[in-house]
Structures are given as structure tokens and as C-alpha cells.
Amino acid sequence: MRKRIQRAPQVLVSRLEEAGISGRVFIVLLALFIAALTLAPPVKNYFVQRAQISALRANVSDNAQQLAAARAELEQWKDTQYIKTQARKRLHFVLPGEREYIVIGATGASANSLSTAAPVSEQFPLGIPWYSRVISSITSVGASGG
């Protein structure tokens, strides 16, 4: 049995020499292979962490831009004239003594084209909650193809 164990390295060395590879080259190649196996996981982790860092830096720069935009908007809201303009525009507020007119159909559409909405049905029972009436109204319009 010991002869077989002692012969195994000699057989391996003789086969390598037949293939044209010396024992020293084999040992160097084996050392390089072990080094590659040892260094592969840390190198992989390094590149994964670098990718995470670059993604986080991009996220930080995006957040900084959003913060700058929010600060600029906050500065606008500190101006009373801007607040008045926004109240008039968004909420249709008017100053005392003023009248606001809202023009419907300013695009030149006739009044008949505005009546394309589905008719409101009066057939829904009054004893049920409002949200049930809304749902039944929606389903009846969908079923009628309107």
C-alpha cells in the first residue's frame, strides 16, 4: 500500500514530464491557482462595494438637487405676492370688491358638445350609503356602454 502512495507523485511527475511540463512549472502553476482562489472573493467584494458606493453617491447628488429645488420653492412661498398669485390661480380667490368670471368652453366648443356626459339615473334606492350609490351608478353607466 505504501508503495502505491509513494509511486503516485512519481507517476504524476513522469506524466507531466511526458506532456512537456516540468515539476517546477507545475508547482508555480499550482501556487498561482491557489492564490487566484484565495484572492477571488475579496476582489469580487471590492467591485460590488465600489458599485454600491457609486450608486449611493448618485442617490446623494439626486437628493441634493431635490433639496435645492425644495428650498427654492420655499423661498418663493415666503413672498406674499407669490402667495396671492398662487391663491388666485389655484384656488380662484379674489380680493374684496373683485369678481371672478370662469369661462367654460373657451376653446370654441358648443354647449351641445358638453352634454356628452352620462345621464344621472334616479333609479337608485335612497336607503343605502352614498358610496354604494356611487358604485352602482358607475356600474350602470359601464353596463349601458355610455
Protein backbone atom coordinates (compact mmCIF):
# COMPACT_ATOMS: atom_id res chain seq x y z
CA MET A 1 0.00 0.00 0.00
CA ARG A 2 2.83 2.41 0.84
CA LYS A 3 4.46 1.70 -2.44
CA ARG A 4 1.32 2.87 -4.25
CA ILE A 5 1.24 6.12 -2.22
CA GLN A 6 4.91 6.75 -2.87
CA ARG A 7 4.52 5.96 -6.55
CA ALA A 8 1.59 8.41 -7.07
CA PRO A 9 3.74 11.58 -7.00
CA GLN A 10 6.35 9.90 -9.17
CA VAL A 11 3.69 8.81 -11.66
CA LEU A 12 2.26 12.35 -11.73
CA VAL A 13 5.69 13.90 -12.24
CA SER A 14 6.52 11.41 -15.00
CA ARG A 15 3.23 12.11 -16.79
CA LEU A 16 3.81 15.87 -16.57
CA GLU A 17 7.30 15.48 -17.95
CA GLU A 18 5.90 13.44 -20.82
CA ALA A 19 3.49 16.32 -21.55
CA GLY A 20 6.42 18.76 -21.59
CA ILE A 21 5.74 20.40 -18.18
CA SER A 22 8.48 20.25 -15.56
CA GLY A 23 7.81 19.83 -11.85
CA ARG A 24 8.80 23.43 -11.09
CA VAL A 25 6.35 24.84 -13.65
CA PHE A 26 3.61 22.65 -12.20
CA ILE A 27 4.32 23.92 -8.67
CA VAL A 28 4.30 27.55 -9.87
CA LEU A 29 1.01 26.98 -11.70
CA LEU A 30 -0.45 25.29 -8.63
CA ALA A 31 0.64 28.22 -6.44
CA LEU A 32 -0.92 30.71 -8.88
CA PHE A 33 -4.16 28.71 -8.92
CA ILE A 34 -4.34 28.66 -5.11
CA ALA A 35 -3.58 32.39 -4.99
CA ALA A 36 -6.35 33.07 -7.52
CA LEU A 37 -8.82 31.03 -5.47
CA THR A 38 -7.79 32.88 -2.33
CA LEU A 39 -8.00 36.36 -3.86
CA ALA A 40 -11.19 35.93 -5.92
CA PRO A 41 -13.80 36.57 -3.18
CA PRO A 42 -12.18 39.75 -1.79
CA VAL A 43 -11.72 41.16 -5.29
CA LYS A 44 -15.37 40.41 -6.09
CA ASN A 45 -16.47 42.08 -2.85
CA TYR A 46 -14.33 45.09 -3.70
CA PHE A 47 -16.03 45.62 -7.05
CA VAL A 48 -19.50 45.05 -5.59
CA GLN A 49 -18.84 47.62 -2.89
CA ARG A 50 -17.48 50.12 -5.42
CA ALA A 51 -20.69 49.75 -7.44
CA GLN A 52 -22.76 50.29 -4.28
CA ILE A 53 -20.74 53.38 -3.39
CA SER A 54 -21.20 54.89 -6.84
CA ALA A 55 -24.96 54.19 -6.70
CA LEU A 56 -25.19 55.82 -3.28
CA ARG A 57 -23.22 58.86 -4.49
CA ALA A 58 -25.62 59.26 -7.41
CA ASN A 59 -28.53 58.97 -4.97
CA VAL A 60 -26.99 61.63 -2.72
CA SER A 61 -26.49 64.01 -5.65
CA ASP A 62 -30.11 63.49 -6.77
CA ASN A 63 -31.31 64.16 -3.23
CA ALA A 64 -29.18 67.30 -3.08
CA GLN A 65 -30.77 68.58 -6.28
CA GLN A 66 -34.25 67.85 -4.94
CA LEU A 67 -33.37 69.62 -1.70
CA ALA A 68 -32.15 72.68 -3.59
CA ALA A 69 -35.37 72.76 -5.62
CA ALA A 70 -37.46 72.45 -2.44
CA ARG A 71 -35.52 75.26 -0.79
CA ALA A 72 -36.02 77.48 -3.83
CA GLU A 73 -39.75 76.78 -3.74
CA LEU A 74 -39.82 77.51 -0.01
CA GLU A 75 -38.16 80.86 -0.68
CA GLN A 76 -40.85 81.63 -3.25
CA TRP A 77 -43.58 80.87 -0.71
CA LYS A 78 -42.10 83.44 1.66
CA ASP A 79 -43.02 86.16 -0.85
CA THR A 80 -46.56 87.49 -0.21
CA GLN A 81 -47.05 88.42 -3.86
CA TYR A 82 -46.32 84.83 -4.91
CA ILE A 83 -48.82 83.55 -2.35
CA LYS A 84 -51.51 85.89 -3.69
CA THR A 85 -50.79 84.79 -7.24
CA GLN A 86 -51.00 81.13 -6.34
CA ALA A 87 -54.23 81.65 -4.36
CA ARG A 88 -55.82 83.37 -7.35
CA LYS A 89 -54.56 80.77 -9.80
CA ARG A 90 -55.12 77.54 -7.89
CA LEU A 91 -57.99 78.33 -5.53
CA HIS A 92 -59.77 81.04 -7.54
CA PHE A 93 -59.55 83.52 -4.68
CA VAL A 94 -60.40 87.15 -5.34
CA LEU A 95 -59.74 90.30 -3.39
CA PRO A 96 -62.67 92.09 -1.73
CA GLY A 97 -64.68 94.03 -4.29
CA GLU A 98 -63.46 91.95 -7.25
CA ARG A 99 -65.49 89.49 -9.29
CA GLU A 100 -64.11 86.42 -10.94
CA TYR A 101 -65.59 85.02 -14.09
CA ILE A 102 -64.84 81.49 -15.18
CA VAL A 103 -65.36 80.96 -18.87
CA ILE A 104 -66.44 77.46 -19.77
CA GLY A 105 -65.87 76.22 -23.27
CA ALA A 106 -63.38 78.92 -24.19
CA THR A 107 -61.89 76.61 -26.81
CA GLY A 108 -64.82 77.26 -29.16
CA ALA A 109 -66.78 74.11 -28.31
CA SER A 110 -70.52 74.47 -28.43
CA ALA A 111 -72.78 73.90 -25.44
CA ASN A 112 -74.20 70.76 -27.05
CA SER A 113 -70.82 69.02 -27.05
CA LEU A 114 -70.59 69.47 -23.28
CA SER A 115 -73.69 67.34 -22.78
CA THR A 116 -71.93 64.11 -23.75
CA ALA A 117 -71.70 63.07 -20.11
CA ALA A 118 -73.71 60.07 -18.98
CA PRO A 119 -77.15 60.94 -17.61
CA VAL A 120 -77.65 60.69 -13.87
CA SER A 121 -80.12 57.98 -13.02
CA GLU A 122 -82.74 58.46 -10.34
CA GLN A 123 -83.44 54.75 -10.03
CA PHE A 124 -81.03 54.09 -7.17
CA PRO A 125 -82.58 53.50 -3.74
CA LEU A 126 -82.18 56.20 -1.15
CA GLY A 127 -81.77 53.92 1.87
CA ILE A 128 -78.27 52.74 1.04
CA PRO A 129 -74.99 54.55 1.82
CA TRP A 130 -73.72 57.14 -0.63
CA TYR A 131 -70.69 55.10 -1.67
CA SER A 132 -72.94 52.18 -2.66
CA ARG A 133 -74.96 54.56 -4.81
CA VAL A 134 -71.77 55.83 -6.46
CA ILE A 135 -70.58 52.29 -7.21
CA SER A 136 -73.96 51.25 -8.62
CA SER A 137 -74.06 54.42 -10.72
CA ILE A 138 -70.64 53.69 -12.16
CA THR A 139 -71.51 50.09 -12.93
CA SER A 140 -74.79 51.05 -14.58
CA VAL A 141 -73.01 53.56 -16.84
CA GLY A 142 -70.38 50.96 -17.69
CA ALA A 143 -73.04 48.36 -18.46
CA SER A 144 -75.00 50.72 -20.71
CA GLY A 145 -71.87 51.48 -22.75
CA GLY A 146 -72.12 55.22 -22.06
